[in-house]
Amino acid sequence: MRVHGRAGEPCPVCGEMVREVSLASRSFQYCPGCQTGGRVYADRRMSRLLR
């Protein structure tokens, strides 16, 4: 909950940029450094444009 609503801002724990992912009508924010071990999730909005 520390990164909720902080997309594009630095993470309060590690300082890495908080990212946002949109899936259908929902979205969530996460810190790649703290929560996914550095892995960046694909964003549905950008995935459609890159095909």
Protein backbone atom coordinates (compact mmCIF):
# COMPACT_ATOMS: atom_id res chain seq x y z
CA MET A 1 0.00 0.00 0.00
CA ARG A 2 3.01 2.30 0.21
CA VAL A 3 3.05 2.80 -3.56
CA HIS A 4 -0.71 3.01 -4.19
CA GLY A 5 -1.47 6.06 -6.35
CA ARG A 6 2.22 6.99 -6.75
CA ALA A 7 2.90 5.94 -10.35
CA GLY A 8 5.90 7.79 -11.75
CA GLU A 9 7.19 8.81 -8.32
CA PRO A 10 10.13 7.21 -6.48
CA CYS A 11 9.41 4.31 -4.13
CA PRO A 12 9.57 5.40 -0.47
CA VAL A 13 11.59 2.26 0.42
CA CYS A 14 14.16 1.74 -2.38
CA GLY A 15 13.86 4.87 -4.56
CA GLU A 16 13.06 3.06 -7.82
CA MET A 17 10.29 4.51 -10.01
CA VAL A 18 6.81 3.17 -9.20
CA ARG A 19 5.11 1.73 -12.29
CA GLU A 20 1.46 1.30 -13.22
CA VAL A 21 -0.12 -1.58 -15.15
CA SER A 22 -3.59 -1.45 -16.72
CA LEU A 23 -5.57 -4.64 -17.22
CA ALA A 24 -9.02 -4.25 -18.80
CA SER A 25 -10.82 -1.72 -16.59
CA ARG A 26 -8.49 -1.99 -13.59
CA SER A 27 -4.99 -0.79 -12.85
CA PHE A 28 -2.42 -1.29 -10.12
CA GLN A 29 0.83 0.31 -9.07
CA TYR A 30 3.93 -1.61 -7.98
CA CYS A 31 7.63 -1.13 -7.30
CA PRO A 32 9.78 -3.41 -9.49
CA GLY A 33 12.67 -3.24 -7.02
CA CYS A 34 10.76 -4.20 -3.89
CA GLN A 35 7.91 -6.34 -5.17
CA THR A 36 9.00 -8.23 -8.31
CA GLY A 37 12.77 -8.56 -7.97
CA GLY A 38 13.40 -6.08 -10.79
CA ARG A 39 10.94 -7.60 -13.26
CA VAL A 40 8.77 -5.08 -15.14
CA TYR A 41 5.25 -6.24 -15.98
CA ALA A 42 3.77 -5.69 -19.44
CA ASP A 43 1.14 -2.98 -19.67
CA ARG A 44 -1.92 -3.88 -21.73
CA ARG A 45 -2.18 -0.35 -23.17
CA MET A 46 1.36 -0.44 -24.59
CA SER A 47 1.26 -4.13 -25.62
CA ARG A 48 -1.51 -3.40 -28.13
CA LEU A 49 0.49 -0.62 -29.75
CA LEU A 50 3.66 -2.69 -30.07
CA ARG A 51 2.12 -5.62 -31.99
